[in-house]
Structure formats: C-alpha cells, structure tokens
Amino acid sequence: MICLGYDVYVGKTIKGEVDFLASKNGEIKYIQVCYDLSHEETRKREFGAYDTIKDQYPKYVISMNSEDYSINGIKHLNIFDFLMNDEF
C-alpha cells in the first residue's frame, strides 16, 4: 500500500482496532487481515472490528481463504487477489 502512494496507519476504534487504515487523496480504506476465516468465531471477530465505524469508506477483510465471506458491505478478498488487484 505504501508503494502505491497510500499513508498507512493502525486504526483505533471504541471497540478495539482495525489492522490498517490506508489513506490517499482524501479517500480511506479499512483493512483487516486474518490467516483463516473458516471458523464462525473468527469471522465474527474480524468483520466485527467494523461495527463501530459508521462512515461509507470501503472496508476489507483479507485472508488466505478462497471462499467469499463478504457480508454487510464488507468485502472479503483472498490475499493473492488483493496483491494482484490493480484497482487498489
């Protein structure tokens, strides 16, 4: 992200933290990173990190899983798809 011109921070919320907040040209992207989302408890924790963030900036959870766990407007991406994504 930094090599693409983003400023990258750790995001703090009332409930805890979001792994990364990437900012570029006034736009923000929130990013949670997790190795494996196959367990429901893990999905609740990772996607739940966004519960207190009410703005409309894009929110992502990135993992090794190839299944699409996107929910409630939060997009899940496989790590390889994320790394190869030119739109980011």
N, C-alpha and C. Protein backbone atom coordinates (compact mmCIF):
# COMPACT_ATOMS: atom_id res chain seq x y z
N MET A 1 0.81 -1.18 0.00
CA MET A 1 0.00 0.00 0.00
C MET A 1 0.86 1.26 0.00
N ILE A 2 1.90 1.25 0.79
CA ILE A 2 2.77 2.41 0.85
C ILE A 2 3.42 2.66 -0.51
N CYS A 3 3.81 1.58 -1.20
CA CYS A 3 4.45 1.76 -2.50
C CYS A 3 3.47 2.27 -3.55
N LEU A 4 2.16 2.22 -3.26
CA LEU A 4 1.15 2.75 -4.18
C LEU A 4 0.74 4.18 -3.81
N GLY A 5 1.46 4.78 -2.86
CA GLY A 5 1.20 6.17 -2.50
C GLY A 5 0.24 6.37 -1.35
N TYR A 6 -0.13 5.31 -0.66
CA TYR A 6 -1.02 5.43 0.50
C TYR A 6 -0.22 5.75 1.75
N ASP A 7 -0.83 6.52 2.65
CA ASP A 7 -0.35 6.65 4.02
C ASP A 7 -1.06 5.55 4.78
N VAL A 8 -0.33 4.77 5.58
CA VAL A 8 -0.91 3.62 6.26
C VAL A 8 -0.76 3.78 7.76
N TYR A 9 -1.86 3.53 8.49
CA TYR A 9 -1.91 3.67 9.94
C TYR A 9 -2.61 2.46 10.54
N VAL A 10 -2.43 2.28 11.85
CA VAL A 10 -3.26 1.34 12.60
C VAL A 10 -4.50 2.12 13.01
N GLY A 11 -5.67 1.53 12.78
CA GLY A 11 -6.92 2.22 13.10
C GLY A 11 -7.43 1.86 14.48
N LYS A 12 -7.69 2.85 15.31
CA LYS A 12 -8.25 2.63 16.64
C LYS A 12 -9.75 2.90 16.61
N THR A 13 -10.51 2.02 17.26
CA THR A 13 -11.95 2.21 17.39
C THR A 13 -12.33 2.14 18.86
N ILE A 14 -13.57 2.41 19.16
CA ILE A 14 -14.07 2.30 20.53
C ILE A 14 -13.91 0.87 21.03
N LYS A 15 -14.15 -0.06 20.14
CA LYS A 15 -14.16 -1.49 20.48
C LYS A 15 -12.77 -2.12 20.44
N GLY A 16 -11.84 -1.54 19.75
CA GLY A 16 -10.51 -2.15 19.61
C GLY A 16 -9.71 -1.47 18.53
N GLU A 17 -9.37 -2.24 17.50
CA GLU A 17 -8.60 -1.65 16.41
C GLU A 17 -8.92 -2.33 15.09
N VAL A 18 -8.64 -1.59 14.03
CA VAL A 18 -8.66 -2.12 12.68
C VAL A 18 -7.20 -2.24 12.30
N ASP A 19 -6.82 -3.35 11.68
CA ASP A 19 -5.41 -3.61 11.41
C ASP A 19 -4.75 -2.46 10.66
N PHE A 20 -5.38 -2.00 9.58
CA PHE A 20 -4.78 -0.93 8.78
C PHE A 20 -5.84 0.05 8.29
N LEU A 21 -5.46 1.30 8.26
CA LEU A 21 -6.24 2.36 7.65
C LEU A 21 -5.33 2.95 6.59
N ALA A 22 -5.74 2.86 5.34
CA ALA A 22 -4.94 3.37 4.22
C ALA A 22 -5.60 4.62 3.68
N SER A 23 -4.84 5.69 3.54
CA SER A 23 -5.38 6.97 3.11
C SER A 23 -4.59 7.49 1.90
N LYS A 24 -5.35 7.96 0.90
CA LYS A 24 -4.72 8.52 -0.30
C LYS A 24 -5.69 9.50 -0.94
N ASN A 25 -5.25 10.71 -1.18
CA ASN A 25 -6.08 11.74 -1.82
C ASN A 25 -7.43 11.92 -1.14
N GLY A 26 -7.44 11.88 0.18
CA GLY A 26 -8.66 12.11 0.93
C GLY A 26 -9.59 10.91 1.02
N GLU A 27 -9.24 9.82 0.39
CA GLU A 27 -10.03 8.60 0.45
C GLU A 27 -9.41 7.64 1.47
N ILE A 28 -10.24 6.90 2.17
CA ILE A 28 -9.79 5.97 3.19
C ILE A 28 -10.25 4.57 2.83
N LYS A 29 -9.41 3.58 3.13
CA LYS A 29 -9.77 2.17 3.02
C LYS A 29 -9.38 1.50 4.33
N TYR A 30 -10.30 0.73 4.89
CA TYR A 30 -10.03 0.00 6.12
C TYR A 30 -9.70 -1.45 5.76
N ILE A 31 -8.70 -2.01 6.42
CA ILE A 31 -8.26 -3.37 6.08
C ILE A 31 -8.01 -4.19 7.34
N GLN A 32 -8.70 -5.31 7.44
CA GLN A 32 -8.46 -6.32 8.47
C GLN A 32 -7.75 -7.48 7.79
N VAL A 33 -6.80 -8.09 8.47
CA VAL A 33 -6.05 -9.21 7.90
C VAL A 33 -6.15 -10.39 8.86
N CYS A 34 -6.44 -11.56 8.28
CA CYS A 34 -6.59 -12.77 9.07
C CYS A 34 -6.13 -13.96 8.24
N TYR A 35 -5.47 -14.90 8.86
CA TYR A 35 -4.98 -16.06 8.11
C TYR A 35 -6.13 -16.93 7.61
N ASP A 36 -7.07 -17.29 8.50
CA ASP A 36 -8.12 -18.26 8.17
C ASP A 36 -9.47 -17.79 8.70
N LEU A 37 -10.44 -17.65 7.82
CA LEU A 37 -11.80 -17.22 8.19
C LEU A 37 -12.81 -18.37 8.20
N SER A 38 -12.34 -19.60 8.18
CA SER A 38 -13.27 -20.72 8.05
C SER A 38 -14.12 -20.95 9.31
N HIS A 39 -13.70 -20.42 10.45
CA HIS A 39 -14.47 -20.58 11.69
C HIS A 39 -15.35 -19.36 11.93
N GLU A 40 -16.58 -19.59 12.30
CA GLU A 40 -17.53 -18.50 12.50
C GLU A 40 -17.07 -17.51 13.55
N GLU A 41 -16.47 -17.99 14.63
CA GLU A 41 -15.97 -17.09 15.67
C GLU A 41 -14.92 -16.11 15.12
N THR A 42 -14.07 -16.61 14.26
CA THR A 42 -13.04 -15.76 13.64
C THR A 42 -13.68 -14.73 12.74
N ARG A 43 -14.67 -15.15 11.95
CA ARG A 43 -15.37 -14.20 11.07
C ARG A 43 -16.06 -13.11 11.89
N LYS A 44 -16.71 -13.49 12.98
CA LYS A 44 -17.37 -12.50 13.84
C LYS A 44 -16.37 -11.49 14.37
N ARG A 45 -15.21 -11.96 14.78
CA ARG A 45 -14.18 -11.07 15.33
C ARG A 45 -13.65 -10.13 14.25
N GLU A 46 -13.28 -10.68 13.10
CA GLU A 46 -12.65 -9.86 12.06
C GLU A 46 -13.62 -8.88 11.42
N PHE A 47 -14.81 -9.34 11.06
CA PHE A 47 -15.80 -8.44 10.47
C PHE A 47 -16.38 -7.51 11.53
N GLY A 48 -16.44 -7.98 12.78
CA GLY A 48 -16.97 -7.17 13.87
C GLY A 48 -16.10 -5.98 14.22
N ALA A 49 -14.85 -5.99 13.79
CA ALA A 49 -13.98 -4.84 14.04
C ALA A 49 -14.54 -3.57 13.41
N TYR A 50 -15.42 -3.72 12.44
CA TYR A 50 -16.00 -2.57 11.74
C TYR A 50 -17.33 -2.11 12.34
N ASP A 51 -17.81 -2.77 13.37
CA ASP A 51 -19.13 -2.45 13.93
C ASP A 51 -19.29 -1.00 14.35
N THR A 52 -18.26 -0.39 14.87
CA THR A 52 -18.38 0.99 15.37
C THR A 52 -17.99 2.03 14.32
N ILE A 53 -17.59 1.60 13.14
CA ILE A 53 -17.21 2.53 12.07
C ILE A 53 -18.42 2.74 11.18
N LYS A 54 -18.97 3.93 11.22
CA LYS A 54 -20.23 4.20 10.53
C LYS A 54 -20.08 4.98 9.22
N ASP A 55 -18.85 5.31 8.83
CA ASP A 55 -18.69 6.03 7.56
C ASP A 55 -18.85 5.06 6.39
N GLN A 56 -18.82 5.58 5.19
CA GLN A 56 -19.07 4.78 3.99
C GLN A 56 -17.82 4.42 3.21
N TYR A 57 -16.64 4.59 3.82
CA TYR A 57 -15.42 4.21 3.14
C TYR A 57 -15.35 2.69 3.02
N PRO A 58 -14.67 2.19 1.99
CA PRO A 58 -14.58 0.73 1.79
C PRO A 58 -13.88 0.02 2.95
N LYS A 59 -14.44 -1.15 3.27
CA LYS A 59 -13.90 -1.98 4.34
C LYS A 59 -13.61 -3.36 3.77
N TYR A 60 -12.42 -3.89 4.11
CA TYR A 60 -11.98 -5.17 3.57
C TYR A 60 -11.49 -6.08 4.69
N VAL A 61 -11.70 -7.38 4.49
CA VAL A 61 -11.05 -8.41 5.30
C VAL A 61 -10.28 -9.28 4.32
N ILE A 62 -8.99 -9.43 4.56
CA ILE A 62 -8.11 -10.17 3.66
C ILE A 62 -7.63 -11.42 4.37
N SER A 63 -7.71 -12.56 3.68
CA SER A 63 -7.28 -13.83 4.28
C SER A 63 -6.75 -14.77 3.21
N MET A 64 -6.31 -15.94 3.64
CA MET A 64 -5.85 -16.98 2.73
C MET A 64 -7.01 -17.74 2.10
N ASN A 65 -8.22 -17.60 2.63
CA ASN A 65 -9.37 -18.35 2.14
C ASN A 65 -9.75 -17.95 0.73
N SER A 66 -10.15 -18.93 -0.08
CA SER A 66 -10.62 -18.63 -1.42
C SER A 66 -12.14 -18.45 -1.45
N GLU A 67 -12.85 -18.96 -0.43
CA GLU A 67 -14.29 -18.74 -0.34
C GLU A 67 -14.56 -17.25 -0.10
N ASP A 68 -15.69 -16.76 -0.61
CA ASP A 68 -16.04 -15.36 -0.43
C ASP A 68 -16.90 -15.22 0.82
N TYR A 69 -16.37 -14.60 1.85
CA TYR A 69 -17.10 -14.39 3.10
C TYR A 69 -17.64 -12.96 3.22
N SER A 70 -17.68 -12.22 2.14
CA SER A 70 -18.18 -10.84 2.18
C SER A 70 -19.56 -10.80 2.83
N ILE A 71 -19.78 -9.76 3.64
CA ILE A 71 -21.06 -9.62 4.32
C ILE A 71 -21.28 -8.15 4.70
N ASN A 72 -22.52 -7.72 4.64
CA ASN A 72 -22.92 -6.38 5.07
C ASN A 72 -22.07 -5.27 4.47
N GLY A 73 -21.72 -5.41 3.21
CA GLY A 73 -20.95 -4.37 2.53
C GLY A 73 -19.46 -4.43 2.80
N ILE A 74 -19.02 -5.36 3.64
CA ILE A 74 -17.60 -5.53 3.92
C ILE A 74 -17.08 -6.61 2.97
N LYS A 75 -16.11 -6.27 2.18
CA LYS A 75 -15.63 -7.17 1.13
C LYS A 75 -14.50 -8.06 1.65
N HIS A 76 -14.64 -9.34 1.40
CA HIS A 76 -13.57 -10.29 1.72
C HIS A 76 -12.76 -10.53 0.45
N LEU A 77 -11.44 -10.50 0.59
CA LEU A 77 -10.54 -10.77 -0.53
C LEU A 77 -9.53 -11.83 -0.13
N ASN A 78 -9.24 -12.72 -1.03
CA ASN A 78 -8.13 -13.64 -0.86
C ASN A 78 -6.85 -12.83 -0.98
N ILE A 79 -5.85 -13.16 -0.20
CA ILE A 79 -4.60 -12.38 -0.18
C ILE A 79 -3.96 -12.26 -1.56
N PHE A 80 -4.02 -13.32 -2.34
CA PHE A 80 -3.41 -13.27 -3.67
C PHE A 80 -4.19 -12.34 -4.60
N ASP A 81 -5.52 -12.36 -4.49
CA ASP A 81 -6.34 -11.44 -5.28
C ASP A 81 -6.07 -10.00 -4.87
N PHE A 82 -5.90 -9.78 -3.58
CA PHE A 82 -5.59 -8.44 -3.08
C PHE A 82 -4.25 -7.95 -3.63
N LEU A 83 -3.25 -8.81 -3.57
CA LEU A 83 -1.92 -8.40 -4.02
C LEU A 83 -1.85 -8.17 -5.53
N MET A 84 -2.69 -8.85 -6.28
CA MET A 84 -2.69 -8.72 -7.73
C MET A 84 -3.70 -7.70 -8.24
N ASN A 85 -4.45 -7.05 -7.34
CA ASN A 85 -5.51 -6.12 -7.70
C ASN A 85 -4.94 -4.77 -8.08
N ASP A 86 -5.04 -4.40 -9.33
CA ASP A 86 -4.54 -3.11 -9.82
C ASP A 86 -5.40 -1.94 -9.37
N GLU A 87 -6.64 -2.19 -8.97
CA GLU A 87 -7.56 -1.11 -8.60
C GLU A 87 -7.30 -0.57 -7.21
N PHE A 88 -6.55 -1.26 -6.43
CA PHE A 88 -6.30 -0.82 -5.05
C PHE A 88 -5.35 0.35 -5.09
